[in-house]
């Protein structure tokens, strides 16, 4: 089972130059906790109407022939990423969602020029504690073994 990690343990799993944003909140009271370079910074977010915006964005994305999602993608970027962007270093971003954000395709958020996935190597986790279980084994040289035919 996944347990609770201390900040020191969590920091040990985030290499220098990588970033972790963990969101937490409900209603209009949300915070983003940004962990980078061995320190954590809490940022209060203005998330009025967040649940509706996430639902609308998801619905708009279902129509691939339309770019109606663009306004919602930019609004969500403005609510969730823009307030913490100045804290981010490097090009790797791990996002730990909460509530409705578990259903948000963060890679499709847009700053007006680029999608989030174009700016960062993006990883989404259900909990920061999961970091302790990632990269435990080096599978970079492992080959897929197929049964003989």
Protein backbone atom coordinates (compact mmCIF):
# COMPACT_ATOMS: atom_id res chain seq x y z
CA UNK A 1 0.00 0.00 0.00
CA UNK A 2 1.04 3.59 -0.57
CA UNK A 3 1.95 5.41 2.63
CA UNK A 4 2.58 9.00 3.59
CA UNK A 5 6.02 10.43 2.85
CA UNK A 6 7.81 13.20 4.68
CA UNK A 7 8.84 16.24 2.68
CA UNK A 8 12.45 15.06 2.76
CA UNK A 9 11.45 11.68 1.33
CA UNK A 10 9.31 13.34 -1.35
CA UNK A 11 12.10 15.75 -2.31
CA UNK A 12 14.50 12.84 -2.70
CA UNK A 13 12.29 11.49 -5.51
CA UNK A 14 12.23 14.77 -7.45
CA UNK A 15 15.48 15.35 -9.34
CA UNK A 16 16.93 18.85 -9.58
CA UNK A 17 15.22 20.73 -12.37
CA UNK A 18 12.03 18.71 -12.10
CA UNK A 19 8.79 20.16 -10.76
CA UNK A 20 5.83 18.74 -8.90
CA UNK A 21 2.52 20.56 -8.54
CA UNK A 22 0.02 19.06 -6.12
CA UNK A 23 -3.45 20.56 -6.12
CA UNK A 24 -5.78 20.43 -3.15
CA UNK A 25 -9.10 22.07 -2.43
CA UNK A 26 -12.85 22.14 -2.77
CA UNK A 27 -15.39 24.67 -3.91
CA UNK A 28 -13.58 27.93 -4.55
CA UNK A 29 -10.83 27.28 -1.96
CA UNK A 30 -7.88 25.69 -3.78
CA UNK A 31 -4.12 25.66 -3.31
CA UNK A 32 -1.26 24.51 -5.48
CA UNK A 33 1.81 23.16 -3.71
CA UNK A 34 4.86 23.44 -5.94
CA UNK A 35 7.88 21.32 -5.09
CA UNK A 36 11.06 22.14 -6.95
CA UNK A 37 14.75 22.27 -6.09
CA UNK A 38 14.18 20.93 -2.56
CA UNK A 39 11.60 23.48 -1.46
CA UNK A 40 7.83 23.73 -1.40
CA UNK A 41 5.77 26.83 -2.11
CA UNK A 42 2.01 27.06 -1.52
CA UNK A 43 -0.01 29.27 -3.85
CA UNK A 44 -3.66 30.18 -3.31
CA UNK A 45 -5.70 29.80 -6.49
CA UNK A 46 -8.79 31.65 -7.68
CA UNK A 47 -10.85 28.70 -8.87
CA UNK A 48 -14.35 30.12 -9.09
CA UNK A 49 -16.41 27.82 -11.32
CA UNK A 50 -13.61 25.25 -11.66
CA UNK A 51 -15.85 22.15 -11.75
CA UNK A 52 -18.07 23.63 -14.49
CA UNK A 53 -15.05 24.75 -16.48
CA UNK A 54 -13.49 21.27 -16.33
CA UNK A 55 -16.78 19.65 -17.39
CA UNK A 56 -17.26 22.10 -20.28
CA UNK A 57 -13.68 21.62 -21.44
CA UNK A 58 -14.04 17.84 -21.47
CA UNK A 59 -17.30 18.10 -23.41
CA UNK A 60 -15.73 20.49 -25.95
CA UNK A 61 -12.82 18.13 -26.55
CA UNK A 62 -15.24 15.46 -27.75
CA UNK A 63 -15.71 17.36 -31.01
CA UNK A 64 -12.42 16.96 -32.91
CA UNK A 65 -13.60 19.14 -35.81
CA UNK A 66 -14.03 22.19 -33.57
CA UNK A 67 -11.58 24.41 -31.77
CA UNK A 68 -14.22 25.60 -29.29
CA UNK A 69 -12.15 24.00 -26.52
CA UNK A 70 -9.44 26.66 -26.96
CA UNK A 71 -11.05 29.30 -24.69
CA UNK A 72 -11.58 26.74 -21.91
CA UNK A 73 -8.03 25.40 -22.34
CA UNK A 74 -6.68 28.91 -21.88
CA UNK A 75 -8.98 29.70 -18.96
CA UNK A 76 -7.93 26.53 -17.12
CA UNK A 77 -4.27 27.27 -17.84
CA UNK A 78 -4.82 30.72 -16.36
CA UNK A 79 -6.41 29.28 -13.21
CA UNK A 80 -4.10 26.33 -12.60
CA UNK A 81 -0.71 26.87 -14.24
CA UNK A 82 -0.18 30.61 -14.69
CA UNK A 83 -0.20 31.40 -10.93
CA UNK A 84 2.66 28.94 -10.34
CA UNK A 85 4.52 29.18 -13.63
CA UNK A 86 7.14 31.55 -12.23
CA UNK A 87 8.11 28.86 -9.70
CA UNK A 88 8.75 26.15 -12.29
CA UNK A 89 12.30 25.30 -13.32
CA UNK A 90 13.32 22.89 -16.04
CA UNK A 91 11.14 21.11 -18.52
CA UNK A 92 9.70 18.22 -16.49
CA UNK A 93 6.39 18.55 -14.66
CA UNK A 94 4.59 16.07 -12.42
CA UNK A 95 0.98 16.94 -11.61
CA UNK A 96 -0.92 15.47 -8.66
CA UNK A 97 -4.58 16.24 -9.18
CA UNK A 98 -7.41 16.50 -6.68
CA UNK A 99 -11.19 16.38 -7.07
CA UNK A 100 -12.43 17.36 -10.54
CA UNK A 101 -8.83 17.82 -11.68
CA UNK A 102 -8.46 14.02 -11.83
CA UNK A 103 -10.64 14.25 -14.95
CA UNK A 104 -8.75 17.14 -16.54
CA UNK A 105 -6.42 16.38 -19.47
CA UNK A 106 -3.63 18.70 -18.32
CA UNK A 107 -1.66 18.07 -21.53
CA UNK A 108 -4.38 19.95 -23.49
CA UNK A 109 -4.17 23.14 -21.41
CA UNK A 110 -3.05 26.07 -23.54
CA UNK A 111 -1.27 29.33 -22.66
CA UNK A 112 -2.30 31.15 -25.84
CA UNK A 113 0.83 30.04 -27.71
CA UNK A 114 1.56 26.45 -26.67
CA UNK A 115 -0.06 23.42 -25.13
CA UNK A 116 1.26 22.36 -21.73
CA UNK A 117 2.54 19.11 -23.24
CA UNK A 118 4.67 21.15 -25.68
CA UNK A 119 6.33 23.03 -22.81
CA UNK A 120 6.93 20.20 -20.34
CA UNK A 121 7.55 16.50 -20.18
CA UNK A 122 4.33 15.80 -18.31
CA UNK A 123 3.50 13.07 -15.79
CA UNK A 124 0.19 12.74 -13.92
CA UNK A 125 -0.01 10.88 -10.61
CA UNK A 126 -2.92 10.09 -8.29
CA UNK A 127 -0.73 10.85 -5.25
CA UNK A 128 2.77 12.22 -4.64
CA UNK A 129 3.43 9.12 -2.50
CA UNK A 130 3.47 7.05 -5.69
CA UNK A 131 6.86 8.59 -6.52
CA UNK A 132 8.44 6.16 -4.08
CA UNK A 133 7.36 3.26 -6.31
CA UNK A 134 8.39 4.70 -9.66
CA UNK A 135 11.74 3.99 -11.28
CA UNK A 136 12.61 1.32 -8.70
CA UNK A 137 13.84 -0.93 -11.48
CA UNK A 138 15.82 0.10 -14.50
CA UNK A 139 13.89 -1.41 -17.39
CA UNK A 140 15.64 0.71 -20.04
CA UNK A 141 17.49 -2.30 -21.43
CA UNK A 142 14.70 -4.82 -20.96
CA UNK A 143 13.46 -6.30 -24.21
CA UNK A 144 10.01 -7.63 -24.85
CA UNK A 145 10.27 -11.40 -25.01
CA UNK A 146 7.75 -12.92 -27.39
CA UNK A 147 6.95 -16.62 -27.28
CA UNK A 148 8.27 -18.66 -30.21
CA UNK A 149 5.82 -19.11 -33.07
